[in-house]
Amino acid sequence: MSEEFDGIDPSVPPSGAGCVECDAAGGWWVHLRRCAECGHIGCCDSSPSQHATKHFKASGHPFMQSYEPGEDWFYNFSTEEMYSGGPELAAPTSHPIGQTVPGPADRVPADWQSHIH
């Protein structure tokens, strides 16, 4: 792996199908992001709790990848750079196709748009 992608471990599987902290607290998310170093799934910065960014701040793991079906871009929190591709991470590479966005469906409030950033 090139120096450009130090902080990515392609062998680590994702932590689950949804945001770890939102699932534990009964919360919901708009989109999901995957830590490319440890596999932690967190919610995006549009989501009410912004757990992917909080994971970076707590762990220092610089890269995250979209965990949305059909998306493979990476973001480096340290340099604030986006990449249109990178190393292929361990499967699965997205949340289940049938999972709603925002989700999960049973926890998204009717006025969800008023809660996003």
PDB file of N, CA and C in Angstrom:
ATOM      1  N   MET A   1       0.854  -1.184   0.000  1.00  0.00           N
ATOM      2  CA  MET A   1       0.000   0.000   0.000  1.00  0.00           C
ATOM      3  C   MET A   1       0.889   1.234   0.000  1.00  0.00           C
ATOM      4  N   SER A   2       0.493   2.253  -0.704  1.00  0.00           N
ATOM      5  CA  SER A   2       1.307   3.461  -0.795  1.00  0.00           C
ATOM      6  C   SER A   2       1.191   4.280   0.483  1.00  0.00           C
ATOM      7  N   GLU A   3       2.188   5.148   0.672  1.00  0.00           N
ATOM      8  CA  GLU A   3       2.172   6.047   1.830  1.00  0.00           C
ATOM      9  C   GLU A   3       0.917   6.898   1.852  1.00  0.00           C
ATOM     10  N   GLU A   4       0.406   7.188   0.662  1.00  0.00           N
ATOM     11  CA  GLU A   4      -0.803   8.012   0.534  1.00  0.00           C
ATOM     12  C   GLU A   4      -1.964   7.421   1.329  1.00  0.00           C
ATOM     13  N   PHE A   5      -1.962   6.080   1.488  1.00  0.00           N
ATOM     14  CA  PHE A   5      -3.059   5.420   2.167  1.00  0.00           C
ATOM     15  C   PHE A   5      -2.653   4.783   3.495  1.00  0.00           C
ATOM     16  N   ASP A   6      -1.600   5.296   4.143  1.00  0.00           N
ATOM     17  CA  ASP A   6      -1.276   4.826   5.495  1.00  0.00           C
ATOM     18  C   ASP A   6      -2.466   5.113   6.397  1.00  0.00           C
ATOM     19  N   GLY A   7      -2.890   4.121   7.158  1.00  0.00           N
ATOM     20  CA  GLY A   7      -4.071   4.274   7.997  1.00  0.00           C
ATOM     21  C   GLY A   7      -5.259   3.518   7.458  1.00  0.00           C
ATOM     22  N   ILE A   8      -5.029   2.681   6.438  1.00  0.00           N
ATOM     23  CA  ILE A   8      -6.087   1.836   5.883  1.00  0.00           C
ATOM     24  C   ILE A   8      -5.660   0.389   6.044  1.00  0.00           C
ATOM     25  N   ASP A   9      -6.545  -0.425   6.621  1.00  0.00           N
ATOM     26  CA  ASP A   9      -6.303  -1.862   6.727  1.00  0.00           C
ATOM     27  C   ASP A   9      -7.398  -2.576   5.958  1.00  0.00           C
ATOM     28  N   PRO A  10      -7.116  -2.993   4.715  1.00  0.00           N
ATOM     29  CA  PRO A  10      -8.135  -3.610   3.872  1.00  0.00           C
ATOM     30  C   PRO A  10      -8.674  -4.941   4.390  1.00  0.00           C
ATOM     31  N   SER A  11      -7.998  -5.563   5.353  1.00  0.00           N
ATOM     32  CA  SER A  11      -8.416  -6.881   5.834  1.00  0.00           C
ATOM     33  C   SER A  11      -9.475  -6.830   6.932  1.00  0.00           C
ATOM     34  N   VAL A  12      -9.716  -5.658   7.508  1.00  0.00           N
ATOM     35  CA  VAL A  12     -10.635  -5.533   8.643  1.00  0.00           C
ATOM     36  C   VAL A  12     -12.082  -5.405   8.156  1.00  0.00           C
ATOM     37  N   PRO A  13     -12.964  -6.291   8.616  1.00  0.00           N
ATOM     38  CA  PRO A  13     -14.376  -6.195   8.199  1.00  0.00           C
ATOM     39  C   PRO A  13     -15.084  -5.043   8.927  1.00  0.00           C
ATOM     40  N   PRO A  14     -16.219  -4.597   8.392  1.00  0.00           N
ATOM     41  CA  PRO A  14     -16.987  -3.539   9.058  1.00  0.00           C
ATOM     42  C   PRO A  14     -17.586  -4.041  10.368  1.00  0.00           C
ATOM     43  N   SER A  15     -17.867  -3.117  11.268  1.00  0.00           N
ATOM     44  CA  SER A  15     -18.390  -3.469  12.596  1.00  0.00           C
ATOM     45  C   SER A  15     -19.847  -3.897  12.577  1.00  0.00           C
ATOM     46  N   GLY A  16     -20.557  -3.676  11.491  1.00  0.00           N
ATOM     47  CA  GLY A  16     -21.961  -4.059  11.410  1.00  0.00           C
ATOM     48  C   GLY A  16     -22.657  -3.372  10.258  1.00  0.00           C
ATOM     49  N   ALA A  17     -23.974  -3.391  10.293  1.00  0.00           N
ATOM     50  CA  ALA A  17     -24.774  -2.826   9.205  1.00  0.00           C
ATOM     51  C   ALA A  17     -25.213  -1.395   9.470  1.00  0.00           C
ATOM     52  N   GLY A  18     -25.003  -0.907  10.698  1.00  0.00           N
ATOM     53  CA  GLY A  18     -25.432   0.440  11.053  1.00  0.00           C
ATOM     54  C   GLY A  18     -24.441   1.127  11.959  1.00  0.00           C
ATOM     55  N   CYS A  19     -24.707   2.379  12.277  1.00  0.00           N
ATOM     56  CA  CYS A  19     -23.850   3.161  13.162  1.00  0.00           C
ATOM     57  C   CYS A  19     -23.824   2.504  14.543  1.00  0.00           C
ATOM     58  N   VAL A  20     -22.627   2.203  15.008  1.00  0.00           N
ATOM     59  CA  VAL A  20     -22.458   1.510  16.288  1.00  0.00           C
ATOM     60  C   VAL A  20     -23.129   2.275  17.430  1.00  0.00           C
ATOM     61  N   GLU A  21     -22.824   3.557  17.539  1.00  0.00           N
ATOM     62  CA  GLU A  21     -23.346   4.357  18.656  1.00  0.00           C
ATOM     63  C   GLU A  21     -24.839   4.633  18.523  1.00  0.00           C
ATOM     64  N   CYS A  22     -25.314   4.916  17.311  1.00  0.00           N
ATOM     65  CA  CYS A  22     -26.757   5.137  17.121  1.00  0.00           C
ATOM     66  C   CYS A  22     -27.543   3.875  17.449  1.00  0.00           C
ATOM     67  N   ASP A  23     -27.034   2.721  17.018  1.00  0.00           N
ATOM     68  CA  ASP A  23     -27.722   1.468  17.331  1.00  0.00           C
ATOM     69  C   ASP A  23     -27.779   1.244  18.837  1.00  0.00           C
ATOM     70  N   ALA A  24     -26.697   1.535  19.538  1.00  0.00           N
ATOM     71  CA  ALA A  24     -26.653   1.329  20.989  1.00  0.00           C
ATOM     72  C   ALA A  24     -27.604   2.270  21.725  1.00  0.00           C
ATOM     73  N   ALA A  25     -27.776   3.478  21.184  1.00  0.00           N
ATOM     74  CA  ALA A  25     -28.597   4.485  21.859  1.00  0.00           C
ATOM     75  C   ALA A  25     -30.021   4.583  21.311  1.00  0.00           C
ATOM     76  N   GLY A  26     -30.345   3.785  20.291  1.00  0.00           N
ATOM     77  CA  GLY A  26     -31.674   3.875  19.698  1.00  0.00           C
ATOM     78  C   GLY A  26     -31.827   5.054  18.762  1.00  0.00           C
ATOM     79  N   GLY A  27     -30.701   5.573  18.257  1.00  0.00           N
ATOM     80  CA  GLY A  27     -30.733   6.727  17.361  1.00  0.00           C
ATOM     81  C   GLY A  27     -30.882   6.321  15.906  1.00  0.00           C
ATOM     82  N   TRP A  28     -30.715   7.288  15.023  1.00  0.00           N
ATOM     83  CA  TRP A  28     -30.859   7.067  13.594  1.00  0.00           C
ATOM     84  C   TRP A  28     -29.821   7.893  12.860  1.00  0.00           C
ATOM     85  N   TRP A  29     -29.655   7.623  11.574  1.00  0.00           N
ATOM     86  CA  TRP A  29     -28.632   8.288  10.777  1.00  0.00           C
ATOM     87  C   TRP A  29     -29.152   8.610   9.388  1.00  0.00           C
ATOM     88  N   VAL A  30     -28.416   9.504   8.706  1.00  0.00           N
ATOM     89  CA  VAL A  30     -28.729   9.830   7.313  1.00  0.00           C
ATOM     90  C   VAL A  30     -27.936   8.891   6.399  1.00  0.00           C
ATOM     91  N   HIS A  31     -26.608   8.958   6.474  1.00  0.00           N
ATOM     92  CA  HIS A  31     -25.732   8.079   5.692  1.00  0.00           C
ATOM     93  C   HIS A  31     -24.693   7.481   6.618  1.00  0.00           C
ATOM     94  N   LEU A  32     -24.076   6.384   6.160  1.00  0.00           N
ATOM     95  CA  LEU A  32     -23.089   5.686   6.983  1.00  0.00           C
ATOM     96  C   LEU A  32     -21.694   5.804   6.393  1.00  0.00           C
ATOM     97  N   ARG A  33     -20.705   5.827   7.284  1.00  0.00           N
ATOM     98  CA  ARG A  33     -19.291   5.893   6.933  1.00  0.00           C
ATOM     99  C   ARG A  33     -18.555   4.786   7.676  1.00  0.00           C
ATOM    100  N   ARG A  34     -17.513   4.268   7.038  1.00  0.00           N
ATOM    101  CA  ARG A  34     -16.752   3.146   7.588  1.00  0.00           C
ATOM    102  C   ARG A  34     -15.302   3.567   7.820  1.00  0.00           C
ATOM    103  N   CYS A  35     -14.796   3.359   9.025  1.00  0.00           N
ATOM    104  CA  CYS A  35     -13.395   3.623   9.309  1.00  0.00           C
ATOM    105  C   CYS A  35     -12.570   2.609   8.530  1.00  0.00           C
ATOM    106  N   ALA A  36     -11.639   3.089   7.724  1.00  0.00           N
ATOM    107  CA  ALA A  36     -10.841   2.210   6.874  1.00  0.00           C
ATOM    108  C   ALA A  36      -9.698   1.542   7.631  1.00  0.00           C
ATOM    109  N   GLU A  37      -9.526   1.903   8.893  1.00  0.00           N
ATOM    110  CA  GLU A  37      -8.477   1.283   9.694  1.00  0.00           C
ATOM    111  C   GLU A  37      -9.018   0.182  10.599  1.00  0.00           C
ATOM    112  N   CYS A  38     -10.143   0.446  11.287  1.00  0.00           N
ATOM    113  CA  CYS A  38     -10.652  -0.536  12.257  1.00  0.00           C
ATOM    114  C   CYS A  38     -12.032  -1.086  11.917  1.00  0.00           C
ATOM    115  N   GLY A  39     -12.692  -0.551  10.876  1.00  0.00           N
ATOM    116  CA  GLY A  39     -13.993  -1.057  10.464  1.00  0.00           C
ATOM    117  C   GLY A  39     -15.189  -0.450  11.170  1.00  0.00           C
ATOM    118  N   HIS A  40     -14.970   0.472  12.102  1.00  0.00           N
ATOM    119  CA  HIS A  40     -16.071   1.106  12.839  1.00  0.00           C
ATOM    120  C   HIS A  40     -17.040   1.771  11.867  1.00  0.00           C
ATOM    121  N   ILE A  41     -18.332   1.493  12.032  1.00  0.00           N
ATOM    122  CA  ILE A  41     -19.359   2.149  11.227  1.00  0.00           C
ATOM    123  C   ILE A  41     -19.953   3.277  12.058  1.00  0.00           C
ATOM    124  N   GLY A  42     -19.904   4.475  11.495  1.00  0.00           N
ATOM    125  CA  GLY A  42     -20.452   5.657  12.152  1.00  0.00           C
ATOM    126  C   GLY A  42     -21.320   6.431  11.175  1.00  0.00           C
ATOM    127  N   CYS A  43     -22.120   7.331  11.705  1.00  0.00           N
ATOM    128  CA  CYS A  43     -23.006   8.129  10.858  1.00  0.00           C
ATOM    129  C   CYS A  43     -22.293   9.379  10.339  1.00  0.00           C
ATOM    130  N   CYS A  44     -22.760   9.873   9.210  1.00  0.00           N
ATOM    131  CA  CYS A  44     -22.147  11.010   8.522  1.00  0.00           C
ATOM    132  C   CYS A  44     -22.400  12.329   9.254  1.00  0.00           C
ATOM    133  N   ASP A  45     -21.758  13.389   8.754  1.00  0.00           N
ATOM    134  CA  ASP A  45     -21.892  14.701   9.383  1.00  0.00           C
ATOM    135  C   ASP A  45     -23.244  15.356   9.144  1.00  0.00           C
ATOM    136  N   SER A  46     -24.058  14.850   8.234  1.00  0.00           N
ATOM    137  CA  SER A  46     -25.430  15.347   8.091  1.00  0.00           C
ATOM    138  C   SER A  46     -26.334  14.754   9.153  1.00  0.00           C
ATOM    139  N   SER A  47     -25.932  13.624   9.714  1.00  0.00           N
ATOM    140  CA  SER A  47     -26.717  12.930  10.744  1.00  0.00           C
ATOM    141  C   SER A  47     -26.701  13.712  12.049  1.00  0.00           C
ATOM    142  N   PRO A  48     -27.730  13.540  12.880  1.00  0.00           N
ATOM    143  CA  PRO A  48     -27.794  14.291  14.132  1.00  0.00           C
ATOM    144  C   PRO A  48     -26.569  14.117  15.038  1.00  0.00           C
ATOM    145  N   SER A  49     -25.984  12.919  15.089  1.00  0.00           N
ATOM    146  CA  SER A  49     -24.916  12.665  16.060  1.00  0.00           C
ATOM    147  C   SER A  49     -23.500  12.672  15.498  1.00  0.00           C
ATOM    148  N   GLN A  50     -23.329  12.630  14.207  1.00  0.00           N
ATOM    149  CA  GLN A  50     -22.023  12.760  13.546  1.00  0.00           C
ATOM    150  C   GLN A  50     -20.952  11.838  14.141  1.00  0.00           C
ATOM    151  N   HIS A  51     -21.285  10.554  14.279  1.00  0.00           N
ATOM    152  CA  HIS A  51     -20.389   9.614  14.943  1.00  0.00           C
ATOM    153  C   HIS A  51     -19.129   9.266  14.155  1.00  0.00           C
ATOM    154  N   ALA A  52     -19.126   9.349  12.829  1.00  0.00           N
ATOM    155  CA  ALA A  52     -17.906   9.051  12.070  1.00  0.00           C
ATOM    156  C   ALA A  52     -16.820  10.074  12.406  1.00  0.00           C
ATOM    157  N   THR A  53     -17.174  11.347  12.448  1.00  0.00           N
ATOM    158  CA  THR A  53     -16.194  12.380  12.810  1.00  0.00           C
ATOM    159  C   THR A  53     -15.769  12.222  14.261  1.00  0.00           C
ATOM    160  N   LYS A  54     -16.691  11.903  15.148  1.00  0.00           N
ATOM    161  CA  LYS A  54     -16.335  11.690  16.558  1.00  0.00           C
ATOM    162  C   LYS A  54     -15.378  10.506  16.700  1.00  0.00           C
ATOM    163  N   HIS A  55     -15.563   9.467  15.878  1.00  0.00           N
ATOM    164  CA  HIS A  55     -14.651   8.329  15.903  1.00  0.00           C
ATOM    165  C   HIS A  55     -13.243   8.768  15.500  1.00  0.00           C
ATOM    166  N   PHE A  56     -13.136   9.562  14.446  1.00  0.00           N
ATOM    167  CA  PHE A  56     -11.822  10.076  14.034  1.00  0.00           C
ATOM    168  C   PHE A  56     -11.173  10.874  15.162  1.00  0.00           C
ATOM    169  N   LYS A  57     -11.925  11.765  15.780  1.00  0.00           N
ATOM    170  CA  LYS A  57     -11.359  12.606  16.844  1.00  0.00           C
ATOM    171  C   LYS A  57     -10.895  11.780  18.041  1.00  0.00           C
ATOM    172  N   ALA A  58     -11.606  10.708  18.353  1.00  0.00           N
ATOM    173  CA  ALA A  58     -11.251   9.854  19.495  1.00  0.00           C
ATOM    174  C   ALA A  58     -10.119   8.876  19.162  1.00  0.00           C
ATOM    175  N   SER A  59     -10.085   8.389  17.929  1.00  0.00           N
ATOM    176  CA  SER A  59      -9.139   7.327  17.565  1.00  0.00           C
ATOM    177  C   SER A  59      -7.926   7.812  16.793  1.00  0.00           C
ATOM    178  N   GLY A  60      -8.080   8.916  16.066  1.00  0.00           N
ATOM    179  CA  GLY A  60      -7.011   9.381  15.198  1.00  0.00           C
ATOM    180  C   GLY A  60      -6.929   8.619  13.884  1.00  0.00           C
ATOM    181  N   HIS A  61      -7.860   7.700  13.637  1.00  0.00           N
ATOM    182  CA  HIS A  61      -7.862   6.950  12.381  1.00  0.00           C
ATOM    183  C   HIS A  61      -8.262   7.904  11.257  1.00  0.00           C
ATOM    184  N   PRO A  62      -7.367   8.176  10.307  1.00  0.00           N
ATOM    185  CA  PRO A  62      -7.600   9.267   9.367  1.00  0.00           C
ATOM    186  C   PRO A  62      -8.600   9.005   8.240  1.00  0.00           C
ATOM    187  N   PHE A  63      -8.711   7.750   7.764  1.00  0.00           N
ATOM    188  CA  PHE A  63      -9.525   7.494   6.583  1.00  0.00           C
ATOM    189  C   PHE A  63     -10.875   6.878   6.905  1.00  0.00           C
ATOM    190  N   MET A  64     -11.879   7.361   6.207  1.00  0.00           N
ATOM    191  CA  MET A  64     -13.173   6.699   6.236  1.00  0.00           C
ATOM    192  C   MET A  64     -13.626   6.548   4.797  1.00  0.00           C
ATOM    193  N   GLN A  65     -14.484   5.560   4.609  1.00  0.00           N
ATOM    194  CA  GLN A  65     -15.044   5.317   3.286  1.00  0.00           C
ATOM    195  C   GLN A  65     -16.563   5.351   3.402  1.00  0.00           C
ATOM    196  N   SER A  66     -17.202   5.788   2.328  1.00  0.00           N
ATOM    197  CA  SER A  66     -18.658   5.722   2.306  1.00  0.00           C
ATOM    198  C   SER A  66     -19.084   4.276   2.512  1.00  0.00           C
ATOM    199  N   TYR A  67     -20.144   4.071   3.272  1.00  0.00           N
ATOM    200  CA  TYR A  67     -20.695   2.736   3.491  1.00  0.00           C
ATOM    201  C   TYR A  67     -22.078   2.650   2.846  1.00  0.00           C
ATOM    202  N   GLU A  68     -22.242   3.427   1.782  1.00  0.00           N
ATOM    203  CA  GLU A  68     -23.491   3.453   1.025  1.00  0.00           C
ATOM    204  C   GLU A  68     -23.329   2.603  -0.234  1.00  0.00           C
ATOM    205  N   PRO A  69     -24.370   1.851  -0.619  1.00  0.00           N
ATOM    206  CA  PRO A  69     -24.279   1.017  -1.824  1.00  0.00           C
ATOM    207  C   PRO A  69     -23.884   1.839  -3.057  1.00  0.00           C
ATOM    208  N   GLY A  70     -22.941   1.302  -3.832  1.00  0.00           N
ATOM    209  CA  GLY A  70     -22.521   1.954  -5.070  1.00  0.00           C
ATOM    210  C   GLY A  70     -21.503   3.062  -4.903  1.00  0.00           C
ATOM    211  N   GLU A  71     -21.103   3.368  -3.687  1.00  0.00           N
ATOM    212  CA  GLU A  71     -20.116   4.427  -3.450  1.00  0.00           C
ATOM    213  C   GLU A  71     -18.820   3.806  -2.930  1.00  0.00           C
ATOM    214  N   ASP A  72     -17.667   4.269  -3.459  1.00  0.00           N
ATOM    215  CA  ASP A  72     -16.399   3.727  -2.988  1.00  0.00           C
ATOM    216  C   ASP A  72     -15.386   4.821  -2.634  1.00  0.00           C
ATOM    217  N   TRP A  73     -15.837   6.059  -2.497  1.00  0.00           N
ATOM    218  CA  TRP A  73     -14.915   7.150  -2.197  1.00  0.00           C
ATOM    219  C   TRP A  73     -14.430   7.089  -0.751  1.00  0.00           C
ATOM    220  N   PHE A  74     -13.238   7.660  -0.552  1.00  0.00           N
ATOM    221  CA  PHE A  74     -12.611   7.776   0.763  1.00  0.00           C
ATOM    222  C   PHE A  74     -12.470   9.253   1.118  1.00  0.00           C
ATOM    223  N   TYR A  75     -12.392   9.517   2.408  1.00  0.00           N
ATOM    224  CA  TYR A  75     -12.109  10.868   2.907  1.00  0.00           C
ATOM    225  C   TYR A  75     -11.020  10.744   3.957  1.00  0.00           C
ATOM    226  N   ASN A  76     -10.046  11.647   3.883  1.00  0.00           N
ATOM    227  CA  ASN A  76      -8.976  11.694   4.872  1.00  0.00           C
ATOM    228  C   ASN A  76      -9.252  12.875   5.804  1.00  0.00           C
ATOM    229  N   PHE A  77      -9.621  12.575   7.046  1.00  0.00           N
ATOM    230  CA  PHE A  77      -9.920  13.633   8.013  1.00  0.00           C
ATOM    231  C   PHE A  77      -8.704  14.503   8.293  1.00  0.00           C
ATOM    232  N   SER A  78      -7.510  13.915   8.305  1.00  0.00           N
ATOM    233  CA  SER A  78      -6.288  14.664   8.641  1.00  0.00           C
ATOM    234  C   SER A  78      -5.948  15.714   7.603  1.00  0.00           C
ATOM    235  N   THR A  79      -6.122  15.374   6.336  1.00  0.00           N
ATOM    236  CA  THR A  79      -5.762  16.310   5.265  1.00  0.00           C
ATOM    237  C   THR A  79      -6.972  16.978   4.631  1.00  0.00           C
ATOM    238  N   GLU A  80      -8.177  16.522   5.008  1.00  0.00           N
ATOM    239  CA  GLU A  80      -9.433  17.015   4.441  1.00  0.00           C
ATOM    240  C   GLU A  80      -9.488  16.806   2.931  1.00  0.00           C
ATOM    241  N   GLU A  81      -8.920  15.684   2.461  1.00  0.00           N
ATOM    242  CA  GLU A  81      -8.930  15.346   1.046  1.00  0.00           C
ATOM    243  C   GLU A  81      -9.885  14.191   0.772  1.00  0.00           C
ATOM    244  N   MET A  82     -10.532  14.252  -0.398  1.00  0.00           N
ATOM    245  CA  MET A  82     -11.391  13.161  -0.858  1.00  0.00           C
ATOM    246  C   MET A  82     -10.644  12.403  -1.939  1.00  0.00           C
ATOM    247  N   TYR A  83     -10.931  11.106  -2.015  1.00  0.00           N
ATOM    248  CA  TYR A  83     -10.335  10.232  -3.019  1.00  0.00           C
ATOM    249  C   TYR A  83     -11.463   9.486  -3.718  1.00  0.00           C
ATOM    250  N   SER A  84     -11.394   9.432  -5.043  1.00  0.00           N
ATOM    251  CA  SER A  84     -12.464   8.767  -5.784  1.00  0.00           C
ATOM    252  C   SER A  84     -12.338   7.255  -5.752  1.00  0.00           C
ATOM    253  N   GLY A  85     -11.324   6.744  -5.143  1.00  0.00           N
ATOM    254  CA  GLY A  85     -11.130   5.313  -4.995  1.00  0.00           C
ATOM    255  C   GLY A  85      -9.944   5.063  -4.091  1.00  0.00           C
ATOM    256  N   GLY A  86      -9.627   3.821  -3.891  1.00  0.00           N
ATOM    257  CA  GLY A  86      -8.518   3.432  -3.035  1.00  0.00           C
ATOM    258  C   GLY A  86      -8.518   1.935  -2.907  1.00  0.00           C
ATOM    259  N   PRO A  87      -7.841   1.423  -1.900  1.00  0.00           N
ATOM    260  CA  PRO A  87      -7.803  -0.025  -1.723  1.00  0.00           C
ATOM    261  C   PRO A  87      -9.198  -0.602  -1.485  1.00  0.00           C
ATOM    262  N   GLU A  88      -9.434  -1.801  -1.995  1.00  0.00           N
ATOM    263  CA  GLU A  88     -10.715  -2.466  -1.757  1.00  0.00           C
ATOM    264  C   GLU A  88     -10.723  -3.005  -0.333  1.00  0.00           C
ATOM    265  N   LEU A  89     -11.744  -2.645   0.435  1.00  0.00           N
ATOM    266  CA  LEU A  89     -11.857  -3.077   1.820  1.00  0.00           C
ATOM    267  C   LEU A  89     -12.591  -4.411   1.910  1.00  0.00           C
ATOM    268  N   ALA A  90     -12.420  -5.094   3.033  1.00  0.00           N
ATOM    269  CA  ALA A  90     -13.085  -6.382   3.271  1.00  0.00           C
ATOM    270  C   ALA A  90     -14.597  -6.224   3.164  1.00  0.00           C
ATOM    271  N   ALA A  91     -15.234  -7.240   2.653  1.00  0.00           N
ATOM    272  CA  ALA A  91     -16.695  -7.243   2.494  1.00  0.00           C
ATOM    273  C   ALA A  91     -17.386  -7.359   3.844  1.00  0.00           C
ATOM    274  N   PRO A  92     -18.616  -6.859   3.933  1.00  0.00           N
ATOM    275  CA  PRO A  92     -19.351  -6.151   2.892  1.00  0.00           C
ATOM    276  C   PRO A  92     -18.876  -4.705   2.771  1.00  0.00           C
ATOM    277  N   THR A  93     -19.048  -4.130   1.603  1.00  0.00           N
ATOM    278  CA  THR A  93     -18.569  -2.772   1.352  1.00  0.00           C
ATOM    279  C   THR A  93     -19.659  -1.717   1.504  1.00  0.00           C
ATOM    280  N   SER A  94     -20.852  -2.141   1.902  1.00  0.00           N
ATOM    281  CA  SER A  94     -21.934  -1.188   2.158  1.00  0.00           C
ATOM    282  C   SER A  94     -22.942  -1.823   3.108  1.00  0.00           C
ATOM    283  N   HIS A  95     -23.816  -0.974   3.630  1.00  0.00           N
ATOM    284  CA  HIS A  95     -24.925  -1.516   4.414  1.00  0.00           C
ATOM    285  C   HIS A  95     -25.826  -2.308   3.468  1.00  0.00           C
ATOM    286  N   PRO A  96     -26.714  -3.135   3.994  1.00  0.00           N
ATOM    287  CA  PRO A  96     -27.598  -3.915   3.116  1.00  0.00           C
ATOM    288  C   PRO A  96     -28.407  -3.013   2.181  1.00  0.00           C
ATOM    289  N   ILE A  97     -28.551  -3.434   0.955  1.00  0.00           N
ATOM    290  CA  ILE A  97     -29.257  -2.647  -0.068  1.00  0.00           C
ATOM    291  C   ILE A  97     -30.666  -2.264   0.386  1.00  0.00           C
ATOM    292  N   GLY A  98     -31.364  -3.140   1.081  1.00  0.00           N
ATOM    293  CA  GLY A  98     -32.733  -2.874   1.510  1.00  0.00           C
ATOM    294  C   GLY A  98     -32.860  -1.975   2.730  1.00  0.00           C
ATOM    295  N   GLN A  99     -31.743  -1.603   3.331  1.00  0.00           N
ATOM    296  CA  GLN A  99     -31.774  -0.734   4.520  1.00  0.00           C
ATOM    297  C   GLN A  99     -32.132   0.685   4.085  1.00  0.00           C
ATOM    298  N   THR A 100     -33.061   1.299   4.755  1.00  0.00           N
ATOM    299  CA  THR A 100     -33.534   2.623   4.353  1.00  0.00           C
ATOM    300  C   THR A 100     -32.493   3.704   4.606  1.00  0.00           C
ATOM    301  N   VAL A 101     -32.616   4.783   3.844  1.00  0.00           N
ATOM    302  CA  VAL A 101     -31.804   5.983   4.009  1.00  0.00           C
ATOM    303  C   VAL A 101     -32.772   7.146   4.049  1.00  0.00           C
ATOM    304  N   PRO A 102     -32.874   7.885   5.159  1.00  0.00           N
ATOM    305  CA  PRO A 102     -32.182   7.608   6.408  1.00  0.00           C
ATOM    306  C   PRO A 102     -32.713   6.327   7.066  1.00  0.00           C
ATOM    307  N   GLY A 103     -32.019   5.901   8.069  1.00  0.00           N
ATOM    308  CA  GLY A 103     -32.405   4.643   8.698  1.00  0.00           C
ATOM    309  C   GLY A 103     -31.955   4.551  10.142  1.00  0.00           C
ATOM    310  N   PRO A 104     -32.299   3.490  10.774  1.00  0.00           N
ATOM    311  CA  PRO A 104     -33.256   2.488  10.314  1.00  0.00           C
ATOM    312  C   PRO A 104     -34.682   3.040  10.352  1.00  0.00           C
ATOM    313  N   ALA A 105     -35.497   2.552   9.452  1.00  0.00           N
ATOM    314  CA  ALA A 105     -36.826   3.116   9.205  1.00  0.00           C
ATOM    315  C   ALA A 105     -37.670   3.274  10.470  1.00  0.00           C
ATOM    316  N   ASP A 106     -37.589   2.327  11.385  1.00  0.00           N
ATOM    317  CA  ASP A 106     -38.441   2.391  12.578  1.00  0.00           C
ATOM    318  C   ASP A 106     -37.985   3.419  13.611  1.00  0.00           C
ATOM    319  N   ARG A 107     -36.817   4.035  13.396  1.00  0.00           N
ATOM    320  CA  ARG A 107     -36.325   5.033  14.353  1.00  0.00           C
ATOM    321  C   ARG A 107     -36.217   6.439  13.769  1.00  0.00           C
ATOM    322  N   VAL A 108     -36.504   6.604  12.501  1.00  0.00           N
ATOM    323  CA  VAL A 108     -36.393   7.917  11.860  1.00  0.00           C
ATOM    324  C   VAL A 108     -37.659   8.718  12.150  1.00  0.00           C
ATOM    325  N   PRO A 109     -37.518   9.901  12.759  1.00  0.00           N
ATOM    326  CA  PRO A 109     -38.713  10.697  13.056  1.00  0.00           C
ATOM    327  C   PRO A 109     -39.336  11.264  11.777  1.00  0.00           C
ATOM    328  N   ALA A 110     -40.625  11.517  11.831  1.00  0.00           N
ATOM    329  CA  ALA A 110     -41.347  12.049  10.673  1.00  0.00           C
ATOM    330  C   ALA A 110     -40.751  13.383  10.207  1.00  0.00           C
ATOM    331  N   ASP A 111     -40.237  14.165  11.138  1.00  0.00           N
ATOM    332  CA  ASP A 111     -39.659  15.473  10.806  1.00  0.00           C
ATOM    333  C   ASP A 111     -38.136  15.408  10.696  1.00  0.00           C
ATOM    334  N   TRP A 112     -37.598  14.272  10.228  1.00  0.00           N
ATOM    335  CA  TRP A 112     -36.157  14.024  10.225  1.00  0.00           C
ATOM    336  C   TRP A 112     -35.351  15.125   9.559  1.00  0.00           C
ATOM    337  N   GLN A 113     -35.904  15.753   8.521  1.00  0.00           N
ATOM    338  CA  GLN A 113     -35.153  16.791   7.802  1.00  0.00           C
ATOM    339  C   GLN A 113     -34.848  17.995   8.680  1.00  0.00           C
ATOM    340  N   SER A 114     -35.635  18.221   9.703  1.00  0.00           N
ATOM    341  CA  SER A 114     -35.365  19.349  10.607  1.00  0.00           C
ATOM    342  C   SER A 114     -34.261  19.022  11.614  1.00  0.00           C
ATOM    343  N   HIS A 115     -33.783  17.782  11.624  1.00  0.00           N
ATOM    344  CA  HIS A 115     -32.751  17.367  12.577  1.00  0.00           C
ATOM    345  C   HIS A 115     -31.375  17.203  11.954  1.00  0.00           C
ATOM    346  N   ILE A 116     -31.247  17.396  10.633  1.00  0.00           N
ATOM    347  CA  ILE A 116     -29.961  17.140   9.989  1.00  0.00           C
ATOM    348  C   ILE A 116     -29.112  18.405   9.937  1.00  0.00           C
ATOM    349  N   HIS A 117     -27.837  18.192   9.740  1.00  0.00           N
ATOM    350  CA  HIS A 117     -26.861  19.301   9.688  1.00  0.00           C
ATOM    351  C   HIS A 117     -26.552  19.656   8.266  1.00  0.00           C
TER     352      HIS A 117
END
